[in-house]
């Protein structure tokens, strides 16, 4: 009993300046519950609900004044529910109550329950215009193909406004359009001169650098010329045609085979006497027979004979007084100065000063 009295006293202290006029206010802790007390609360709560706006509550035993009608736990529970709907409309949390769960035929309805409801009605916040939640799905994370989209709430629900269908930050898969595949690029490299950089655009609208490959027509580069200079004799002019069909004058460089020029011959002729011949071979491999150009002495090996080089022969052999080799013999020889001696190259005859004989 003391606890109930303290609760009623505390609630009376919280009584607002503009509190409604209630019958039997304040209610004594041991006051009997009257139909008027419940009817007043129903009327006051429906007025609060209408201002929010909320529909009038559908009460059980709407006509409490009928004979035999008793105040039951269901009547108090409905009053609590009806006023609790008003609080969110004013931006406040729903109120809490003494004996939150009223059990029919078990929980005793007390004056404290009615006093608590009167205070809850008096302190109900004024209803604000309902603010409905505003939210939307963002764009797909992928420009094409599968991606993720996120739900963002820009205006939270308030004062009993409608909630958004999805939580802030909720995600779901998305797919905008199929991804384009770069399968064709224009213009073609074959339309630009070989080696020249140009910009290509794909069927998807992407761009890239290309390198031309065209090497014909105006883009052709003269890189090969035929016939080769090596197929024409050295120094002989001829006409060449390029891989592009252009022409130019060329000069042959072939110096072998039929194009070889005999420019040198071996052995030299100055090693063979003019009275003899020798076979020469050219730088091209050809051969020829020619006379020697070496002047060789010819004389008769007898005293008083004639000599092409008389002074040399007389100096070497001036004492000879007989005929060599028992007769007149003509030989090709070279005079070599020595001790009054004569060496006849090509023979075996030596004219000696002391002996004076031939051997």
Protein backbone atom coordinates (compact mmCIF):
# COMPACT_ATOMS: atom_id res chain seq x y z
CA UNK A 1 0.00 0.00 0.00
CA UNK A 2 2.87 2.38 0.78
CA UNK A 3 4.47 1.71 -2.66
CA UNK A 4 1.23 2.49 -4.50
CA UNK A 5 0.83 5.72 -2.56
CA UNK A 6 4.40 6.80 -3.50
CA UNK A 7 3.82 6.06 -7.21
CA UNK A 8 0.58 8.08 -7.24
CA UNK A 9 2.30 10.94 -5.42
CA UNK A 10 5.24 10.89 -7.88
CA UNK A 11 2.94 10.95 -10.87
CA UNK A 12 1.00 13.85 -9.37
CA UNK A 13 4.24 15.83 -9.20
CA UNK A 14 4.71 15.32 -12.96
CA UNK A 15 1.24 16.64 -13.70
CA UNK A 16 1.52 19.20 -16.54
CA UNK A 17 0.11 22.69 -16.27
CA UNK A 18 -2.48 21.98 -19.00
CA UNK A 19 -3.56 18.61 -17.64
CA UNK A 20 -7.06 17.43 -18.39
CA UNK A 21 -9.73 17.60 -15.75
CA UNK A 22 -10.25 14.09 -14.46
CA UNK A 23 -13.02 12.82 -12.22
CA UNK A 24 -11.77 12.02 -8.73
CA UNK A 25 -8.39 13.63 -9.33
CA UNK A 26 -6.24 12.59 -7.67
CA UNK A 27 -7.46 9.08 -7.18
CA UNK A 28 -6.86 7.72 -3.72
CA UNK A 29 -4.90 4.50 -3.66
CA UNK A 30 -7.91 2.62 -2.36
CA UNK A 31 -10.43 4.32 -4.66
CA UNK A 32 -12.95 2.08 -6.38
CA UNK A 33 -12.72 1.86 -10.19
CA UNK A 34 -15.64 3.54 -11.87
CA UNK A 35 -16.85 3.33 -15.49
CA UNK A 36 -16.52 7.12 -15.71
CA UNK A 37 -12.77 6.86 -15.11
CA UNK A 38 -12.33 4.51 -18.11
CA UNK A 39 -14.70 6.43 -20.37
CA UNK A 40 -12.82 9.69 -19.69
CA UNK A 41 -9.52 8.03 -20.63
CA UNK A 42 -11.02 6.57 -23.83
CA UNK A 43 -12.36 9.98 -24.87
CA UNK A 44 -9.10 11.79 -24.07
CA UNK A 45 -6.95 9.19 -25.87
CA UNK A 46 -9.13 9.23 -28.98
CA UNK A 47 -8.79 13.03 -29.03
CA UNK A 48 -4.99 12.67 -28.90
CA UNK A 49 -5.10 10.06 -31.67
CA UNK A 50 -7.27 12.28 -33.88
CA UNK A 51 -4.72 15.12 -33.61
CA UNK A 52 -1.87 12.93 -34.90
CA UNK A 53 -3.88 11.79 -36.98
CA UNK A 54 -4.63 8.26 -35.93
CA UNK A 55 -8.00 6.46 -36.20
CA UNK A 56 -10.17 6.08 -33.11
CA UNK A 57 -9.36 2.97 -31.20
CA UNK A 58 -11.84 0.08 -31.46
CA UNK A 59 -12.59 -0.58 -27.79
CA UNK A 60 -13.83 -3.76 -26.22
CA UNK A 61 -17.17 -3.26 -24.52
CA UNK A 62 -17.62 0.08 -26.17
CA UNK A 63 -20.71 0.79 -23.99
CA UNK A 64 -19.25 0.39 -20.52
CA UNK A 65 -22.36 1.95 -19.00
CA UNK A 66 -24.53 -1.07 -19.77
CA UNK A 67 -25.82 -2.91 -16.71
CA UNK A 68 -23.53 -5.70 -15.52
CA UNK A 69 -20.40 -4.45 -17.33
CA UNK A 70 -17.24 -4.72 -15.22
CA UNK A 71 -13.86 -3.03 -15.66
CA UNK A 72 -11.48 -5.76 -16.78
CA UNK A 73 -7.76 -6.13 -17.54
CA UNK A 74 -8.47 -5.96 -21.30
CA UNK A 75 -9.89 -2.45 -20.88
CA UNK A 76 -6.68 -1.18 -19.24
CA UNK A 77 -4.45 -2.96 -21.78
CA UNK A 78 -6.34 -1.33 -24.66
CA UNK A 79 -5.94 2.14 -23.09
CA UNK A 80 -2.19 1.56 -22.79
CA UNK A 81 -1.92 0.42 -26.43
CA UNK A 82 -4.02 3.30 -27.75
CA UNK A 83 -1.97 6.03 -26.01
CA UNK A 84 1.34 4.33 -26.81
CA UNK A 85 0.58 4.80 -30.54
CA UNK A 86 0.61 8.58 -30.00
CA UNK A 87 4.11 8.92 -28.54
CA UNK A 88 6.12 8.05 -31.71
CA UNK A 89 4.02 10.60 -33.59
CA UNK A 90 5.50 13.24 -31.31
CA UNK A 91 9.00 11.90 -31.63
CA UNK A 92 9.08 10.27 -28.19
CA UNK A 93 9.67 6.72 -27.05
CA UNK A 94 6.64 4.65 -26.09
CA UNK A 95 5.86 4.86 -22.35
CA UNK A 96 6.35 2.02 -19.88
CA UNK A 97 3.69 0.92 -17.40
CA UNK A 98 3.28 -0.60 -13.98
CA UNK A 99 2.49 -4.30 -14.26
CA UNK A 100 3.33 -4.40 -18.01
CA UNK A 101 1.41 -7.62 -18.51
CA UNK A 102 -2.12 -7.61 -17.16
CA UNK A 103 -3.43 -11.16 -16.84
CA UNK A 104 -7.23 -11.51 -17.00
CA UNK A 105 -8.82 -12.84 -13.81
CA UNK A 106 -5.41 -12.69 -12.08
CA UNK A 107 -4.11 -9.13 -12.13
CA UNK A 108 -6.05 -6.78 -9.87
CA UNK A 109 -6.91 -3.46 -11.51
CA UNK A 110 -5.76 -0.73 -9.15
CA UNK A 111 -6.15 3.03 -8.92
CA UNK A 112 -2.40 3.28 -9.71
CA UNK A 113 -3.07 1.86 -13.18
CA UNK A 114 -5.61 4.61 -13.92
CA UNK A 115 -3.45 7.36 -12.39
CA UNK A 116 -0.52 6.17 -14.52
CA UNK A 117 -2.67 6.30 -17.68
CA UNK A 118 -3.96 9.80 -16.84
CA UNK A 119 -0.33 11.01 -16.48
CA UNK A 120 0.64 9.29 -19.75
CA UNK A 121 -2.20 11.07 -21.56
CA UNK A 122 -1.36 14.44 -20.00
CA UNK A 123 2.35 14.10 -20.91
CA UNK A 124 1.84 12.80 -24.45
CA UNK A 125 3.98 14.91 -26.83
CA UNK A 126 2.18 16.97 -29.45
CA UNK A 127 2.00 15.07 -32.68
CA UNK A 128 4.29 16.16 -35.48
CA UNK A 129 3.53 15.72 -39.16
CA UNK A 130 4.47 12.22 -40.10
CA UNK A 131 7.74 11.98 -42.00
CA UNK A 132 7.91 8.99 -44.26
CA UNK A 133 11.25 7.30 -44.84
CA UNK A 134 12.95 8.21 -48.12
CA UNK A 135 15.52 5.88 -49.59
CA UNK A 136 16.67 4.56 -52.93
CA UNK A 137 18.97 2.04 -54.51
CA UNK A 138 22.26 3.43 -55.81
CA UNK A 139 23.76 2.78 -59.21
CA UNK A 140 25.19 -0.60 -60.06
CA UNK A 141 28.85 -0.95 -59.12
CA UNK A 142 29.65 -2.39 -62.55
CA UNK A 143 29.15 -0.47 -65.76
CA UNK A 144 28.35 -3.77 -67.41
CA UNK A 145 27.87 -7.34 -66.28
CA UNK A 146 27.12 -8.39 -62.68
CA UNK A 147 27.64 -5.89 -59.85
CA UNK A 148 26.33 -4.76 -56.46
CA UNK A 149 23.92 -1.91 -55.64
CA UNK A 150 23.44 -0.37 -52.18
CA UNK A 151 20.25 1.00 -50.59
CA UNK A 152 20.72 4.42 -48.98
CA UNK A 153 18.19 6.10 -46.68
CA UNK A 154 18.34 9.87 -47.09
CA UNK A 155 15.38 10.70 -44.78
CA UNK A 156 14.63 8.36 -41.87
CA UNK A 157 11.00 7.82 -40.88
CA UNK A 158 9.82 10.05 -38.03
CA UNK A 159 6.67 10.80 -36.06
CA UNK A 160 5.03 7.59 -37.10
CA UNK A 161 5.86 7.97 -40.78
CA UNK A 162 6.11 4.97 -43.08
CA UNK A 163 9.34 3.03 -42.85
CA UNK A 164 11.56 2.34 -45.85
CA UNK A 165 11.23 -1.13 -47.37
CA UNK A 166 14.97 -1.79 -46.94
CA UNK A 167 17.53 -1.05 -44.24
CA UNK A 168 20.16 1.61 -44.83
CA UNK A 169 23.22 -0.03 -46.40
CA UNK A 170 21.33 -3.09 -47.67
CA UNK A 171 22.82 -4.57 -50.85
CA UNK A 172 21.58 -6.66 -53.70
CA UNK A 173 23.09 -7.96 -56.95
CA UNK A 174 22.56 -6.00 -60.12
CA UNK A 175 23.34 -6.31 -63.79
CA UNK A 176 22.88 -3.35 -66.07
CA UNK A 177 23.86 -4.46 -69.54
CA UNK A 178 26.02 -7.20 -70.98
CA UNK A 179 29.66 -6.17 -71.26
CA UNK A 180 30.76 -5.27 -74.76
CA UNK A 181 33.69 -7.22 -76.18
CA UNK A 182 36.17 -5.37 -78.39
CA UNK A 183 35.92 -7.58 -81.46
CA UNK A 184 36.40 -5.10 -84.31
CA UNK A 185 38.77 -2.14 -84.61
CA UNK A 186 38.60 0.60 -87.25
CA UNK A 187 40.23 1.77 -89.37
CA UNK A 188 42.16 -1.35 -90.35
CA UNK A 189 45.99 -1.30 -90.19
CA UNK A 190 45.89 -2.26 -93.86
CA UNK A 191 44.53 1.21 -94.67
CA UNK A 192 47.54 3.08 -93.23
CA UNK A 193 51.11 3.09 -94.49
CA UNK A 194 53.41 0.56 -92.88
CA UNK A 195 55.00 1.74 -89.61
CA UNK A 196 52.75 4.82 -89.26
CA UNK A 197 50.92 5.20 -85.90
CA UNK A 198 47.16 5.93 -85.95
CA UNK A 199 44.14 5.77 -83.61
CA UNK A 200 41.67 2.89 -83.80
CA UNK A 201 38.13 2.75 -82.33
CA UNK A 202 36.49 -0.53 -81.39
CA UNK A 203 32.89 -1.63 -81.81
CA UNK A 204 32.52 -0.83 -78.07
CA UNK A 205 33.78 2.73 -78.48
CA UNK A 206 37.19 2.09 -76.88
CA UNK A 207 40.33 3.44 -78.52
CA UNK A 208 43.89 2.22 -78.94
CA UNK A 209 46.99 2.97 -81.00
CA UNK A 210 47.51 1.00 -84.19
CA UNK A 211 50.43 0.62 -86.60
CA UNK A 212 49.83 0.68 -90.33
CA UNK A 213 50.75 -2.29 -92.49
CA UNK A 214 49.97 -0.98 -96.00
CA UNK A 215 53.03 -1.31 -98.24
CA UNK A 216 51.53 -0.96 -101.72
CA UNK A 217 50.55 1.97 -103.89
CA UNK A 218 51.55 5.30 -102.40
CA UNK A 219 52.75 3.50 -99.25
CA UNK A 220 55.13 1.14 -101.06
CA UNK A 221 58.82 1.50 -100.14
CA UNK A 222 61.44 0.55 -102.75
CA UNK A 223 63.30 -2.08 -100.73
CA UNK A 224 64.20 -4.68 -103.39
CA UNK A 225 65.63 -4.04 -106.88
CA UNK A 226 65.98 -6.63 -109.64
CA UNK A 227 68.03 -7.83 -111.38
CA UNK A 228 70.93 -7.65 -108.96
CA UNK A 229 74.10 -5.77 -110.00
CA UNK A 230 75.92 -9.04 -109.30
CA UNK A 231 74.19 -10.60 -112.32
CA UNK A 232 75.63 -8.08 -114.82
CA UNK A 233 79.25 -7.64 -115.85
CA UNK A 234 81.17 -5.04 -113.91
CA UNK A 235 80.77 -1.52 -115.27
CA UNK A 236 77.93 -2.41 -117.65
CA UNK A 237 74.79 -0.22 -117.17
CA UNK A 238 71.38 -1.93 -116.97
CA UNK A 239 67.77 -1.18 -115.86
CA UNK A 240 66.46 -2.33 -112.48
CA UNK A 241 62.79 -2.66 -111.34
CA UNK A 242 61.82 -2.35 -107.64
CA UNK A 243 59.26 -4.33 -105.61
CA UNK A 244 56.97 -1.28 -106.04
CA UNK A 245 57.28 -1.34 -109.85
CA UNK A 246 59.61 1.70 -110.04
CA UNK A 247 62.71 1.63 -112.28
CA UNK A 248 66.28 2.96 -112.07
CA UNK A 249 69.62 2.58 -113.77
CA UNK A 250 72.09 0.16 -112.27
CA UNK A 251 75.73 -0.76 -112.94
CA UNK A 252 76.93 -4.35 -113.02
CA UNK A 253 79.48 -5.65 -110.50
CA UNK A 254 80.08 -9.22 -111.81
CA UNK A 255 83.78 -9.81 -112.44
CA UNK A 256 83.93 -13.59 -112.62
CA UNK A 257 83.19 -16.16 -115.33
CA UNK A 258 82.37 -14.62 -118.67
CA UNK A 259 82.61 -11.15 -117.12
CA UNK A 260 86.18 -11.57 -115.83
CA UNK A 261 88.72 -9.14 -117.35
CA UNK A 262 92.22 -10.47 -117.93
CA UNK A 263 94.17 -7.86 -116.03
CA UNK A 264 97.22 -9.79 -114.88
CA UNK A 265 99.30 -12.70 -116.27
CA UNK A 266 101.79 -14.97 -114.57
CA UNK A 267 104.66 -15.80 -114.78
CA UNK A 268 106.28 -12.60 -116.03
CA UNK A 269 107.98 -12.60 -119.47
CA UNK A 270 111.17 -10.98 -118.19
CA UNK A 271 112.34 -14.30 -116.81
CA UNK A 272 112.44 -15.98 -120.26
CA UNK A 273 114.89 -15.12 -123.08
CA UNK A 274 113.51 -13.49 -126.18
CA UNK A 275 114.52 -16.54 -128.15
CA UNK A 276 112.08 -18.72 -126.16
CA UNK A 277 108.33 -18.76 -125.37
CA UNK A 278 106.40 -19.36 -122.15
CA UNK A 279 102.76 -20.19 -121.13
CA UNK A 280 101.06 -17.57 -118.95
CA UNK A 281 97.84 -17.87 -116.83
CA UNK A 282 95.60 -14.80 -116.26
CA UNK A 283 93.71 -13.74 -113.12
CA UNK A 284 90.60 -15.17 -114.78
CA UNK A 285 92.24 -18.60 -115.28
CA UNK A 286 92.81 -18.26 -119.02
CA UNK A 287 96.17 -19.29 -120.61
CA UNK A 288 98.31 -17.99 -123.47
CA UNK A 289 101.74 -18.60 -125.01
CA UNK A 290 104.02 -15.57 -125.38
CA UNK A 291 107.74 -14.99 -126.14
CA UNK A 292 110.18 -14.07 -123.39
CA UNK A 293 111.46 -10.52 -123.07
CA UNK A 294 114.78 -11.21 -121.40
CA UNK A 295 117.83 -10.31 -123.57
CA UNK A 296 120.32 -13.20 -123.26
CA UNK A 297 124.06 -13.03 -124.62
CA UNK A 298 124.80 -15.27 -127.67
CA UNK A 299 128.44 -15.82 -128.69
CA UNK A 300 130.78 -18.36 -130.23
CA UNK A 301 133.01 -19.98 -127.70
CA UNK A 302 136.30 -19.50 -129.69
CA UNK A 303 139.09 -17.02 -129.60
CA UNK A 304 138.40 -13.95 -131.68
CA UNK A 305 134.65 -14.70 -132.05
CA UNK A 306 131.92 -12.05 -131.96
CA UNK A 307 130.19 -11.26 -128.60
CA UNK A 308 127.07 -9.24 -127.86
CA UNK A 309 128.80 -8.24 -124.62
CA UNK A 310 132.34 -8.13 -125.96
CA UNK A 311 133.91 -6.17 -123.14
CA UNK A 312 132.69 -8.57 -120.43
CA UNK A 313 133.63 -11.66 -122.35
CA UNK A 314 137.09 -10.34 -123.33
CA UNK A 315 137.74 -9.34 -119.71
CA UNK A 316 137.01 -12.88 -118.55
CA UNK A 317 138.35 -14.98 -121.40
CA UNK A 318 140.98 -12.85 -123.31
CA UNK A 319 143.71 -15.57 -123.01
CA UNK A 320 141.82 -18.31 -124.77
CA UNK A 321 143.85 -19.49 -127.82
CA UNK A 322 141.98 -22.57 -128.79
CA UNK A 323 138.52 -23.55 -129.89
CA UNK A 324 136.25 -24.79 -127.12
CA UNK A 325 134.64 -28.20 -127.39
CA UNK A 326 136.80 -28.98 -130.45
CA UNK A 327 134.68 -26.84 -132.65
CA UNK A 328 132.54 -23.78 -132.93
CA UNK A 329 129.74 -23.91 -130.35
CA UNK A 330 127.08 -21.24 -129.81
CA UNK A 331 125.48 -21.11 -126.32
CA UNK A 332 123.32 -18.76 -124.34
CA UNK A 333 125.42 -17.71 -121.41
CA UNK A 334 125.88 -15.01 -118.87
CA UNK A 335 129.30 -13.60 -118.05
CA UNK A 336 130.06 -13.73 -114.37
CA UNK A 337 133.19 -11.99 -113.23
CA UNK A 338 135.57 -14.17 -111.31
CA UNK A 339 139.26 -14.96 -111.31
CA UNK A 340 139.66 -14.65 -115.07
CA UNK A 341 137.02 -17.32 -115.54
CA UNK A 342 133.80 -17.59 -117.55
CA UNK A 343 130.77 -19.58 -116.31
CA UNK A 344 128.42 -20.55 -119.14
CA UNK A 345 125.03 -21.01 -117.62
CA UNK A 346 123.15 -23.93 -119.16
CA UNK A 347 126.31 -25.87 -120.11
CA UNK A 348 129.26 -27.55 -118.41
CA UNK A 349 132.08 -25.68 -120.11
CA UNK A 350 134.49 -23.69 -117.97
CA UNK A 351 137.27 -21.67 -119.56
CA UNK A 352 140.13 -21.65 -117.11
CA UNK A 353 143.06 -19.24 -117.22
CA UNK A 354 145.76 -21.68 -116.07
CA UNK A 355 144.93 -24.79 -118.07
CA UNK A 356 143.46 -23.21 -121.13
CA UNK A 357 141.59 -26.41 -121.88
CA UNK A 358 137.92 -27.24 -122.10
CA UNK A 359 136.27 -29.65 -119.70
